[in-house]
Amino acid sequence: MLTSQAFKAWLENANHKNNIVGSSDDPANCPIANYLKDGNDYLAIEVLDCEVNIWHPGDHDPISYPLPDWAQRFINEIDGENTDPHEEVHQDWALKILTAKDIQAFVKGEE
């Protein structure tokens, strides 16, 4: 469901309005949440530090899925202490974070 390669391909897509892919400190609008919502009919998505909650049509309660290690590190960087709450996350910044060495160490052997 959530692989770094598929997420990276989505980030590289040039169709993001003003190159904005999400917001920091916003579980429903972070880049990973927006990636998961794109092309799906989920009622809602909430990305937390270690898991993602997805509300499927017809369900009242979300189904929780664990986030891979690389995604947890990505979220921690996006929501880091040097980031303003609800700051716009631009495509190039997200790609820079995703391809950083400390995150790539968690991607190896992912698939």
PDB file of N, CA and C in Angstrom:
ATOM      1  N   MET A   1       0.819  -1.193   0.000  1.00  0.00           N
ATOM      2  CA  MET A   1       0.000   0.000   0.000  1.00  0.00           C
ATOM      3  C   MET A   1       0.863   1.257   0.000  1.00  0.00           C
ATOM      4  N   LEU A   2       1.834   1.343   0.889  1.00  0.00           N
ATOM      5  CA  LEU A   2       2.655   2.547   0.995  1.00  0.00           C
ATOM      6  C   LEU A   2       4.109   2.167   0.835  1.00  0.00           C
ATOM      7  N   THR A   3       4.654   2.447  -0.343  1.00  0.00           N
ATOM      8  CA  THR A   3       6.074   2.206  -0.590  1.00  0.00           C
ATOM      9  C   THR A   3       6.745   3.535  -0.901  1.00  0.00           C
ATOM     10  N   SER A   4       8.010   3.626  -0.588  1.00  0.00           N
ATOM     11  CA  SER A   4       8.740   4.872  -0.848  1.00  0.00           C
ATOM     12  C   SER A   4       8.831   5.155  -2.338  1.00  0.00           C
ATOM     13  N   GLN A   5       8.947   4.118  -3.156  1.00  0.00           N
ATOM     14  CA  GLN A   5       9.053   4.316  -4.606  1.00  0.00           C
ATOM     15  C   GLN A   5       7.771   4.912  -5.181  1.00  0.00           C
ATOM     16  N   ALA A   6       6.619   4.386  -4.774  1.00  0.00           N
ATOM     17  CA  ALA A   6       5.346   4.905  -5.268  1.00  0.00           C
ATOM     18  C   ALA A   6       5.099   6.321  -4.743  1.00  0.00           C
ATOM     19  N   PHE A   7       5.465   6.569  -3.489  1.00  0.00           N
ATOM     20  CA  PHE A   7       5.301   7.900  -2.910  1.00  0.00           C
ATOM     21  C   PHE A   7       6.203   8.902  -3.627  1.00  0.00           C
ATOM     22  N   LYS A   8       7.422   8.513  -3.914  1.00  0.00           N
ATOM     23  CA  LYS A   8       8.354   9.390  -4.633  1.00  0.00           C
ATOM     24  C   LYS A   8       7.816   9.714  -6.022  1.00  0.00           C
ATOM     25  N   ALA A   9       7.286   8.715  -6.719  1.00  0.00           N
ATOM     26  CA  ALA A   9       6.717   8.956  -8.051  1.00  0.00           C
ATOM     27  C   ALA A   9       5.559   9.949  -7.969  1.00  0.00           C
ATOM     28  N   TRP A  10       4.737   9.828  -6.933  1.00  0.00           N
ATOM     29  CA  TRP A  10       3.628  10.773  -6.744  1.00  0.00           C
ATOM     30  C   TRP A  10       4.161  12.180  -6.478  1.00  0.00           C
ATOM     31  N   LEU A  11       5.204  12.289  -5.646  1.00  0.00           N
ATOM     32  CA  LEU A  11       5.794  13.600  -5.358  1.00  0.00           C
ATOM     33  C   LEU A  11       6.358  14.246  -6.616  1.00  0.00           C
ATOM     34  N   GLU A  12       6.921  13.441  -7.496  1.00  0.00           N
ATOM     35  CA  GLU A  12       7.544  13.966  -8.716  1.00  0.00           C
ATOM     36  C   GLU A  12       6.529  14.408  -9.763  1.00  0.00           C
ATOM     37  N   ASN A  13       5.272  14.042  -9.570  1.00  0.00           N
ATOM     38  CA  ASN A  13       4.213  14.429 -10.495  1.00  0.00           C
ATOM     39  C   ASN A  13       4.117  15.947 -10.534  1.00  0.00           C
ATOM     40  N   ALA A  14       4.063  16.512 -11.714  1.00  0.00           N
ATOM     41  CA  ALA A  14       4.046  17.971 -11.870  1.00  0.00           C
ATOM     42  C   ALA A  14       2.653  18.570 -11.716  1.00  0.00           C
ATOM     43  N   ASN A  15       1.643  17.786 -11.407  1.00  0.00           N
ATOM     44  CA  ASN A  15       0.266  18.287 -11.361  1.00  0.00           C
ATOM     45  C   ASN A  15      -0.179  18.810 -10.006  1.00  0.00           C
ATOM     46  N   HIS A  16       0.717  18.954  -9.054  1.00  0.00           N
ATOM     47  CA  HIS A  16       0.343  19.468  -7.742  1.00  0.00           C
ATOM     48  C   HIS A  16       0.149  20.976  -7.836  1.00  0.00           C
ATOM     49  N   LYS A  17      -0.966  21.472  -7.344  1.00  0.00           N
ATOM     50  CA  LYS A  17      -1.279  22.897  -7.417  1.00  0.00           C
ATOM     51  C   LYS A  17      -0.202  23.704  -6.684  1.00  0.00           C
ATOM     52  N   ASN A  18       0.438  24.611  -7.395  1.00  0.00           N
ATOM     53  CA  ASN A  18       1.507  25.452  -6.855  1.00  0.00           C
ATOM     54  C   ASN A  18       2.640  24.633  -6.235  1.00  0.00           C
ATOM     55  N   ASN A  19       2.787  23.399  -6.688  1.00  0.00           N
ATOM     56  CA  ASN A  19       3.811  22.477  -6.177  1.00  0.00           C
ATOM     57  C   ASN A  19       3.668  22.195  -4.682  1.00  0.00           C
ATOM     58  N   ILE A  20       2.467  22.359  -4.147  1.00  0.00           N
ATOM     59  CA  ILE A  20       2.205  22.085  -2.729  1.00  0.00           C
ATOM     60  C   ILE A  20       1.639  20.670  -2.617  1.00  0.00           C
ATOM     61  N   VAL A  21       2.271  19.860  -1.762  1.00  0.00           N
ATOM     62  CA  VAL A  21       1.853  18.460  -1.618  1.00  0.00           C
ATOM     63  C   VAL A  21       1.218  18.168  -0.270  1.00  0.00           C
ATOM     64  N   GLY A  22       1.144  19.177   0.609  1.00  0.00           N
ATOM     65  CA  GLY A  22       0.523  18.978   1.913  1.00  0.00           C
ATOM     66  C   GLY A  22       0.903  20.068   2.887  1.00  0.00           C
ATOM     67  N   SER A  23       0.640  19.801   4.165  1.00  0.00           N
ATOM     68  CA  SER A  23       0.950  20.732   5.252  1.00  0.00           C
ATOM     69  C   SER A  23       1.622  19.981   6.396  1.00  0.00           C
ATOM     70  N   SER A  24       2.465  20.685   7.124  1.00  0.00           N
ATOM     71  CA  SER A  24       3.098  20.073   8.291  1.00  0.00           C
ATOM     72  C   SER A  24       2.115  20.061   9.461  1.00  0.00           C
ATOM     73  N   ASP A  25       2.351  19.161  10.386  1.00  0.00           N
ATOM     74  CA  ASP A  25       1.521  19.042  11.596  1.00  0.00           C
ATOM     75  C   ASP A  25       0.027  19.009  11.310  1.00  0.00           C
ATOM     76  N   ASP A  26      -0.345  18.355  10.228  1.00  0.00           N
ATOM     77  CA  ASP A  26      -1.750  18.260   9.837  1.00  0.00           C
ATOM     78  C   ASP A  26      -2.017  16.823   9.398  1.00  0.00           C
ATOM     79  N   PRO A  27      -2.465  15.957  10.315  1.00  0.00           N
ATOM     80  CA  PRO A  27      -2.619  14.530  10.015  1.00  0.00           C
ATOM     81  C   PRO A  27      -3.500  14.221   8.800  1.00  0.00           C
ATOM     82  N   ALA A  28      -4.439  15.096   8.481  1.00  0.00           N
ATOM     83  CA  ALA A  28      -5.334  14.841   7.344  1.00  0.00           C
ATOM     84  C   ALA A  28      -4.829  15.472   6.048  1.00  0.00           C
ATOM     85  N   ASN A  29      -3.786  16.301   6.130  1.00  0.00           N
ATOM     86  CA  ASN A  29      -3.307  17.001   4.936  1.00  0.00           C
ATOM     87  C   ASN A  29      -1.791  16.924   4.788  1.00  0.00           C
ATOM     88  N   CYS A  30      -1.156  15.970   5.437  1.00  0.00           N
ATOM     89  CA  CYS A  30       0.282  15.817   5.244  1.00  0.00           C
ATOM     90  C   CYS A  30       0.513  15.176   3.869  1.00  0.00           C
ATOM     91  N   PRO A  31       1.723  15.250   3.339  1.00  0.00           N
ATOM     92  CA  PRO A  31       1.964  14.668   2.015  1.00  0.00           C
ATOM     93  C   PRO A  31       1.581  13.190   1.901  1.00  0.00           C
ATOM     94  N   ILE A  32       1.841  12.402   2.925  1.00  0.00           N
ATOM     95  CA  ILE A  32       1.491  10.981   2.853  1.00  0.00           C
ATOM     96  C   ILE A  32      -0.022  10.802   2.826  1.00  0.00           C
ATOM     97  N   ALA A  33      -0.752  11.577   3.624  1.00  0.00           N
ATOM     98  CA  ALA A  33      -2.221  11.494   3.595  1.00  0.00           C
ATOM     99  C   ALA A  33      -2.749  11.860   2.210  1.00  0.00           C
ATOM    100  N   ASN A  34      -2.201  12.913   1.628  1.00  0.00           N
ATOM    101  CA  ASN A  34      -2.663  13.332   0.297  1.00  0.00           C
ATOM    102  C   ASN A  34      -2.316  12.306  -0.765  1.00  0.00           C
ATOM    103  N   TYR A  35      -1.163  11.677  -0.642  1.00  0.00           N
ATOM    104  CA  TYR A  35      -0.804  10.599  -1.558  1.00  0.00           C
ATOM    105  C   TYR A  35      -1.810   9.443  -1.461  1.00  0.00           C
ATOM    106  N   LEU A  36      -2.120   9.049  -0.236  1.00  0.00           N
ATOM    107  CA  LEU A  36      -3.046   7.925  -0.053  1.00  0.00           C
ATOM    108  C   LEU A  36      -4.463   8.263  -0.515  1.00  0.00           C
ATOM    109  N   LYS A  37      -4.869   9.524  -0.395  1.00  0.00           N
ATOM    110  CA  LYS A  37      -6.209   9.944  -0.830  1.00  0.00           C
ATOM    111  C   LYS A  37      -6.320  10.016  -2.346  1.00  0.00           C
ATOM    112  N   ASP A  38      -5.224  10.299  -3.007  1.00  0.00           N
ATOM    113  CA  ASP A  38      -5.230  10.512  -4.462  1.00  0.00           C
ATOM    114  C   ASP A  38      -5.689   9.254  -5.201  1.00  0.00           C
ATOM    115  N   GLY A  39      -6.822   9.354  -5.845  1.00  0.00           N
ATOM    116  CA  GLY A  39      -7.347   8.242  -6.631  1.00  0.00           C
ATOM    117  C   GLY A  39      -8.084   7.186  -5.830  1.00  0.00           C
ATOM    118  N   ASN A  40      -8.302   7.412  -4.547  1.00  0.00           N
ATOM    119  CA  ASN A  40      -9.032   6.454  -3.715  1.00  0.00           C
ATOM    120  C   ASN A  40     -10.325   7.077  -3.217  1.00  0.00           C
ATOM    121  N   ASP A  41     -11.248   6.241  -2.805  1.00  0.00           N
ATOM    122  CA  ASP A  41     -12.544   6.750  -2.335  1.00  0.00           C
ATOM    123  C   ASP A  41     -12.660   6.690  -0.813  1.00  0.00           C
ATOM    124  N   TYR A  42     -11.527   6.825  -0.113  1.00  0.00           N
ATOM    125  CA  TYR A  42     -11.567   6.822   1.342  1.00  0.00           C
ATOM    126  C   TYR A  42     -12.387   8.001   1.843  1.00  0.00           C
ATOM    127  N   LEU A  43     -13.107   7.805   2.936  1.00  0.00           N
ATOM    128  CA  LEU A  43     -13.864   8.903   3.534  1.00  0.00           C
ATOM    129  C   LEU A  43     -12.942   9.896   4.217  1.00  0.00           C
ATOM    130  N   ALA A  44     -11.903   9.391   4.854  1.00  0.00           N
ATOM    131  CA  ALA A  44     -10.932  10.251   5.529  1.00  0.00           C
ATOM    132  C   ALA A  44      -9.665   9.457   5.790  1.00  0.00           C
ATOM    133  N   ILE A  45      -8.566  10.196   5.941  1.00  0.00           N
ATOM    134  CA  ILE A  45      -7.272   9.605   6.279  1.00  0.00           C
ATOM    135  C   ILE A  45      -6.620  10.495   7.320  1.00  0.00           C
ATOM    136  N   GLU A  46      -5.980   9.852   8.272  1.00  0.00           N
ATOM    137  CA  GLU A  46      -5.261  10.567   9.325  1.00  0.00           C
ATOM    138  C   GLU A  46      -3.911   9.872   9.495  1.00  0.00           C
ATOM    139  N   VAL A  47      -2.835  10.600   9.227  1.00  0.00           N
ATOM    140  CA  VAL A  47      -1.494  10.046   9.365  1.00  0.00           C
ATOM    141  C   VAL A  47      -0.900  10.524  10.682  1.00  0.00           C
ATOM    142  N   LEU A  48      -0.601   9.572  11.544  1.00  0.00           N
ATOM    143  CA  LEU A  48      -0.009   9.872  12.848  1.00  0.00           C
ATOM    144  C   LEU A  48       1.463   9.473  12.823  1.00  0.00           C
ATOM    145  N   ASP A  49       2.138   9.568  13.944  1.00  0.00           N
ATOM    146  CA  ASP A  49       3.576   9.279  13.993  1.00  0.00           C
ATOM    147  C   ASP A  49       3.927   7.865  13.545  1.00  0.00           C
ATOM    148  N   CYS A  50       3.143   6.890  13.959  1.00  0.00           N
ATOM    149  CA  CYS A  50       3.493   5.488  13.697  1.00  0.00           C
ATOM    150  C   CYS A  50       2.445   4.725  12.909  1.00  0.00           C
ATOM    151  N   GLU A  51       1.317   5.350  12.617  1.00  0.00           N
ATOM    152  CA  GLU A  51       0.245   4.631  11.926  1.00  0.00           C
ATOM    153  C   GLU A  51      -0.574   5.587  11.068  1.00  0.00           C
ATOM    154  N   VAL A  52      -1.337   4.980  10.185  1.00  0.00           N
ATOM    155  CA  VAL A  52      -2.288   5.737   9.380  1.00  0.00           C
ATOM    156  C   VAL A  52      -3.665   5.138   9.634  1.00  0.00           C
ATOM    157  N   ASN A  53      -4.629   5.999   9.902  1.00  0.00           N
ATOM    158  CA  ASN A  53      -6.016   5.576  10.097  1.00  0.00           C
ATOM    159  C   ASN A  53      -6.794   5.921   8.836  1.00  0.00           C
ATOM    160  N   ILE A  54      -7.483   4.929   8.306  1.00  0.00           N
ATOM    161  CA  ILE A  54      -8.247   5.118   7.066  1.00  0.00           C
ATOM    162  C   ILE A  54      -9.698   4.742   7.322  1.00  0.00           C
ATOM    163  N   TRP A  55     -10.581   5.680   6.993  1.00  0.00           N
ATOM    164  CA  TRP A  55     -12.017   5.446   7.064  1.00  0.00           C
ATOM    165  C   TRP A  55     -12.486   5.052   5.669  1.00  0.00           C
ATOM    166  N   HIS A  56     -12.918   3.808   5.534  1.00  0.00           N
ATOM    167  CA  HIS A  56     -13.413   3.289   4.261  1.00  0.00           C
ATOM    168  C   HIS A  56     -14.919   3.565   4.155  1.00  0.00           C
ATOM    169  N   PRO A  57     -15.434   3.704   2.933  1.00  0.00           N
ATOM    170  CA  PRO A  57     -16.883   3.888   2.782  1.00  0.00           C
ATOM    171  C   PRO A  57     -17.655   2.769   3.477  1.00  0.00           C
ATOM    172  N   GLY A  58     -18.678   3.139   4.202  1.00  0.00           N
ATOM    173  CA  GLY A  58     -19.514   2.178   4.903  1.00  0.00           C
ATOM    174  C   GLY A  58     -19.024   1.813   6.292  1.00  0.00           C
ATOM    175  N   ASP A  59     -17.826   2.248   6.648  1.00  0.00           N
ATOM    176  CA  ASP A  59     -17.284   1.947   7.982  1.00  0.00           C
ATOM    177  C   ASP A  59     -17.403   3.168   8.875  1.00  0.00           C
ATOM    178  N   HIS A  60     -17.772   2.932  10.118  1.00  0.00           N
ATOM    179  CA  HIS A  60     -17.866   4.029  11.078  1.00  0.00           C
ATOM    180  C   HIS A  60     -16.537   4.259  11.798  1.00  0.00           C
ATOM    181  N   ASP A  61     -15.764   3.197  11.929  1.00  0.00           N
ATOM    182  CA  ASP A  61     -14.480   3.283  12.620  1.00  0.00           C
ATOM    183  C   ASP A  61     -13.353   3.109  11.604  1.00  0.00           C
ATOM    184  N   PRO A  62     -12.225   3.760  11.857  1.00  0.00           N
ATOM    185  CA  PRO A  62     -11.110   3.615  10.920  1.00  0.00           C
ATOM    186  C   PRO A  62     -10.407   2.275  11.083  1.00  0.00           C
ATOM    187  N   ILE A  63      -9.696   1.906  10.046  1.00  0.00           N
ATOM    188  CA  ILE A  63      -8.783   0.771  10.108  1.00  0.00           C
ATOM    189  C   ILE A  63      -7.387   1.373  10.222  1.00  0.00           C
ATOM    190  N   SER A  64      -6.614   0.906  11.176  1.00  0.00           N
ATOM    191  CA  SER A  64      -5.269   1.428  11.409  1.00  0.00           C
ATOM    192  C   SER A  64      -4.234   0.518  10.764  1.00  0.00           C
ATOM    193  N   TYR A  65      -3.280   1.137  10.105  1.00  0.00           N
ATOM    194  CA  TYR A  65      -2.177   0.427   9.467  1.00  0.00           C
ATOM    195  C   TYR A  65      -0.876   1.015   9.994  1.00  0.00           C
ATOM    196  N   PRO A  66       0.113   0.183  10.284  1.00  0.00           N
ATOM    197  CA  PRO A  66       1.391   0.729  10.741  1.00  0.00           C
ATOM    198  C   PRO A  66       2.113   1.441   9.595  1.00  0.00           C
ATOM    199  N   LEU A  67       2.814   2.515   9.917  1.00  0.00           N
ATOM    200  CA  LEU A  67       3.624   3.207   8.919  1.00  0.00           C
ATOM    201  C   LEU A  67       4.993   2.537   8.836  1.00  0.00           C
ATOM    202  N   PRO A  68       5.519   2.369   7.626  1.00  0.00           N
ATOM    203  CA  PRO A  68       6.886   1.851   7.505  1.00  0.00           C
ATOM    204  C   PRO A  68       7.873   2.822   8.174  1.00  0.00           C
ATOM    205  N   ASP A  69       9.035   2.310   8.530  1.00  0.00           N
ATOM    206  CA  ASP A  69      10.040   3.138   9.202  1.00  0.00           C
ATOM    207  C   ASP A  69      10.398   4.389   8.403  1.00  0.00           C
ATOM    208  N   TRP A  70      10.570   4.240   7.070  1.00  0.00           N
ATOM    209  CA  TRP A  70      10.947   5.407   6.268  1.00  0.00           C
ATOM    210  C   TRP A  70       9.860   6.481   6.342  1.00  0.00           C
ATOM    211  N   ALA A  71       8.580   6.077   6.377  1.00  0.00           N
ATOM    212  CA  ALA A  71       7.472   7.037   6.434  1.00  0.00           C
ATOM    213  C   ALA A  71       7.433   7.733   7.798  1.00  0.00           C
ATOM    214  N   GLN A  72       7.735   6.999   8.847  1.00  0.00           N
ATOM    215  CA  GLN A  72       7.791   7.612  10.173  1.00  0.00           C
ATOM    216  C   GLN A  72       8.883   8.675  10.228  1.00  0.00           C
ATOM    217  N   ARG A  73      10.044   8.376   9.666  1.00  0.00           N
ATOM    218  CA  ARG A  73      11.140   9.350   9.634  1.00  0.00           C
ATOM    219  C   ARG A  73      10.759  10.558   8.785  1.00  0.00           C
ATOM    220  N   PHE A  74      10.089  10.311   7.665  1.00  0.00           N
ATOM    221  CA  PHE A  74       9.653  11.404   6.790  1.00  0.00           C
ATOM    222  C   PHE A  74       8.699  12.333   7.553  1.00  0.00           C
ATOM    223  N   ILE A  75       7.721  11.761   8.226  1.00  0.00           N
ATOM    224  CA  ILE A  75       6.751  12.549   9.003  1.00  0.00           C
ATOM    225  C   ILE A  75       7.468  13.351  10.087  1.00  0.00           C
ATOM    226  N   ASN A  76       8.417  12.721  10.778  1.00  0.00           N
ATOM    227  CA  ASN A  76       9.156  13.425  11.825  1.00  0.00           C
ATOM    228  C   ASN A  76       9.915  14.628  11.269  1.00  0.00           C
ATOM    229  N   GLU A  77      10.453  14.498  10.070  1.00  0.00           N
ATOM    230  CA  GLU A  77      11.161  15.622   9.450  1.00  0.00           C
ATOM    231  C   GLU A  77      10.186  16.719   9.018  1.00  0.00           C
ATOM    232  N   ILE A  78       9.075  16.334   8.425  1.00  0.00           N
ATOM    233  CA  ILE A  78       8.074  17.319   7.969  1.00  0.00           C
ATOM    234  C   ILE A  78       7.502  18.084   9.159  1.00  0.00           C
ATOM    235  N   ASP A  79       7.269  17.386  10.261  1.00  0.00           N
ATOM    236  CA  ASP A  79       6.660  17.998  11.443  1.00  0.00           C
ATOM    237  C   ASP A  79       7.697  18.427  12.479  1.00  0.00           C
ATOM    238  N   GLY A  80       8.953  18.489  12.093  1.00  0.00           N
ATOM    239  CA  GLY A  80      10.040  18.754  13.027  1.00  0.00           C
ATOM    240  C   GLY A  80       9.946  20.074  13.764  1.00  0.00           C
ATOM    241  N   GLU A  81      10.836  20.221  14.720  1.00  0.00           N
ATOM    242  CA  GLU A  81      10.816  21.389  15.602  1.00  0.00           C
ATOM    243  C   GLU A  81      11.105  22.691  14.870  1.00  0.00           C
ATOM    244  N   ASN A  82      11.718  22.650  13.705  1.00  0.00           N
ATOM    245  CA  ASN A  82      12.001  23.871  12.937  1.00  0.00           C
ATOM    246  C   ASN A  82      10.905  24.181  11.929  1.00  0.00           C
ATOM    247  N   THR A  83       9.773  23.537  12.068  1.00  0.00           N
ATOM    248  CA  THR A  83       8.670  23.713  11.134  1.00  0.00           C
ATOM    249  C   THR A  83       7.502  24.382  11.838  1.00  0.00           C
ATOM    250  N   ASP A  84       6.919  25.359  11.182  1.00  0.00           N
ATOM    251  CA  ASP A  84       5.720  26.001  11.720  1.00  0.00           C
ATOM    252  C   ASP A  84       4.519  25.085  11.502  1.00  0.00           C
ATOM    253  N   PRO A  85       3.595  25.032  12.464  1.00  0.00           N
ATOM    254  CA  PRO A  85       2.382  24.224  12.279  1.00  0.00           C
ATOM    255  C   PRO A  85       1.616  24.667  11.032  1.00  0.00           C
ATOM    256  N   HIS A  86       1.162  23.718  10.295  1.00  0.00           N
ATOM    257  CA  HIS A  86       0.371  23.913   9.077  1.00  0.00           C
ATOM    258  C   HIS A  86       1.124  24.695   7.999  1.00  0.00           C
ATOM    259  N   GLU A  87       2.443  24.580   8.019  1.00  0.00           N
ATOM    260  CA  GLU A  87       3.264  25.178   6.972  1.00  0.00           C
ATOM    261  C   GLU A  87       3.081  24.379   5.684  1.00  0.00           C
ATOM    262  N   GLU A  88       2.991  25.073   4.564  1.00  0.00           N
ATOM    263  CA  GLU A  88       2.849  24.382   3.286  1.00  0.00           C
ATOM    264  C   GLU A  88       4.110  23.569   3.009  1.00  0.00           C
ATOM    265  N   VAL A  89       3.897  22.342   2.548  1.00  0.00           N
ATOM    266  CA  VAL A  89       5.008  21.476   2.172  1.00  0.00           C
ATOM    267  C   VAL A  89       5.055  21.445   0.651  1.00  0.00           C
ATOM    268  N   HIS A  90       6.149  21.971   0.127  1.00  0.00           N
ATOM    269  CA  HIS A  90       6.314  22.021  -1.324  1.00  0.00           C
ATOM    270  C   HIS A  90       6.985  20.744  -1.821  1.00  0.00           C
ATOM    271  N   GLN A  91       6.707  20.453  -3.056  1.00  0.00           N
ATOM    272  CA  GLN A  91       7.176  19.250  -3.723  1.00  0.00           C
ATOM    273  C   GLN A  91       8.693  19.073  -3.564  1.00  0.00           C
ATOM    274  N   ASP A  92       9.482  20.093  -3.840  1.00  0.00           N
ATOM    275  CA  ASP A  92      10.935  19.956  -3.795  1.00  0.00           C
ATOM    276  C   ASP A  92      11.443  19.688  -2.382  1.00  0.00           C
ATOM    277  N   TRP A  93      10.816  20.306  -1.375  1.00  0.00           N
ATOM    278  CA  TRP A  93      11.212  20.076   0.015  1.00  0.00           C
ATOM    279  C   TRP A  93      10.912  18.624   0.407  1.00  0.00           C
ATOM    280  N   ALA A  94       9.729  18.137   0.044  1.00  0.00           N
ATOM    281  CA  ALA A  94       9.347  16.762   0.371  1.00  0.00           C
ATOM    282  C   ALA A  94      10.291  15.760  -0.291  1.00  0.00           C
ATOM    283  N   LEU A  95      10.651  16.009  -1.551  1.00  0.00           N
ATOM    284  CA  LEU A  95      11.582  15.110  -2.245  1.00  0.00           C
ATOM    285  C   LEU A  95      12.963  15.146  -1.604  1.00  0.00           C
ATOM    286  N   LYS A  96      13.393  16.317  -1.186  1.00  0.00           N
ATOM    287  CA  LYS A  96      14.691  16.437  -0.520  1.00  0.00           C
ATOM    288  C   LYS A  96      14.701  15.624   0.768  1.00  0.00           C
ATOM    289  N   ILE A  97      13.636  15.707   1.534  1.00  0.00           N
ATOM    290  CA  ILE A  97      13.543  14.942   2.775  1.00  0.00           C
ATOM    291  C   ILE A  97      13.492  13.440   2.485  1.00  0.00           C
ATOM    292  N   LEU A  98      12.662  13.054   1.521  1.00  0.00           N
ATOM    293  CA  LEU A  98      12.506  11.630   1.204  1.00  0.00           C
ATOM    294  C   LEU A  98      13.809  11.003   0.737  1.00  0.00           C
ATOM    295  N   THR A  99      14.619  11.747   0.013  1.00  0.00           N
ATOM    296  CA  THR A  99      15.853  11.184  -0.542  1.00  0.00           C
ATOM    297  C   THR A  99      17.070  11.420   0.352  1.00  0.00           C
ATOM    298  N   ALA A 100      16.881  11.986   1.534  1.00  0.00           N
ATOM    299  CA  ALA A 100      17.999  12.196   2.464  1.00  0.00           C
ATOM    300  C   ALA A 100      18.559  10.847   2.919  1.00  0.00           C
ATOM    301  N   LYS A 101      19.844  10.824   3.178  1.00  0.00           N
ATOM    302  CA  LYS A 101      20.516   9.570   3.548  1.00  0.00           C
ATOM    303  C   LYS A 101      19.909   8.909   4.773  1.00  0.00           C
ATOM    304  N   ASP A 102      19.529   9.692   5.785  1.00  0.00           N
ATOM    305  CA  ASP A 102      19.012   9.066   7.002  1.00  0.00           C
ATOM    306  C   ASP A 102      17.668   8.378   6.769  1.00  0.00           C
ATOM    307  N   ILE A 103      16.912   8.839   5.813  1.00  0.00           N
ATOM    308  CA  ILE A 103      15.645   8.175   5.490  1.00  0.00           C
ATOM    309  C   ILE A 103      15.901   7.012   4.533  1.00  0.00           C
ATOM    310  N   GLN A 104      16.806   7.183   3.589  1.00  0.00           N
ATOM    311  CA  GLN A 104      17.093   6.120   2.634  1.00  0.00           C
ATOM    312  C   GLN A 104      17.634   4.870   3.316  1.00  0.00           C
ATOM    313  N   ALA A 105      18.261   5.033   4.457  1.00  0.00           N
ATOM    314  CA  ALA A 105      18.749   3.865   5.194  1.00  0.00           C
ATOM    315  C   ALA A 105      17.597   2.961   5.601  1.00  0.00           C
ATOM    316  N   PHE A 106      16.410   3.525   5.792  1.00  0.00           N
ATOM    317  CA  PHE A 106      15.236   2.737   6.176  1.00  0.00           C
ATOM    318  C   PHE A 106      14.511   2.154   4.958  1.00  0.00           C
ATOM    319  N   VAL A 107      14.801   2.683   3.764  1.00  0.00           N
ATOM    320  CA  VAL A 107      14.129   2.229   2.558  1.00  0.00           C
ATOM    321  C   VAL A 107      14.713   0.917   2.081  1.00  0.00           C
ATOM    322  N   LYS A 108      16.008   0.699   2.289  1.00  0.00           N
ATOM    323  CA  LYS A 108      16.673  -0.520   1.811  1.00  0.00           C
ATOM    324  C   LYS A 108      15.949  -1.747   2.354  1.00  0.00           C
ATOM    325  N   GLY A 109      15.664  -2.669   1.466  1.00  0.00           N
ATOM    326  CA  GLY A 109      14.981  -3.887   1.863  1.00  0.00           C
ATOM    327  C   GLY A 109      13.501  -3.716   2.106  1.00  0.00           C
ATOM    328  N   GLU A 110      12.961  -2.569   1.744  1.00  0.00           N
ATOM    329  CA  GLU A 110      11.541  -2.291   1.971  1.00  0.00           C
ATOM    330  C   GLU A 110      10.632  -3.224   1.181  1.00  0.00           C
ATOM    331  N   GLU A 111      11.050  -3.515  -0.036  1.00  0.00           N
ATOM    332  CA  GLU A 111      10.142  -4.275  -0.906  1.00  0.00           C
ATOM    333  C   GLU A 111      10.731  -5.610  -1.284  1.00  0.00           C
TER     334      GLU A 111
END
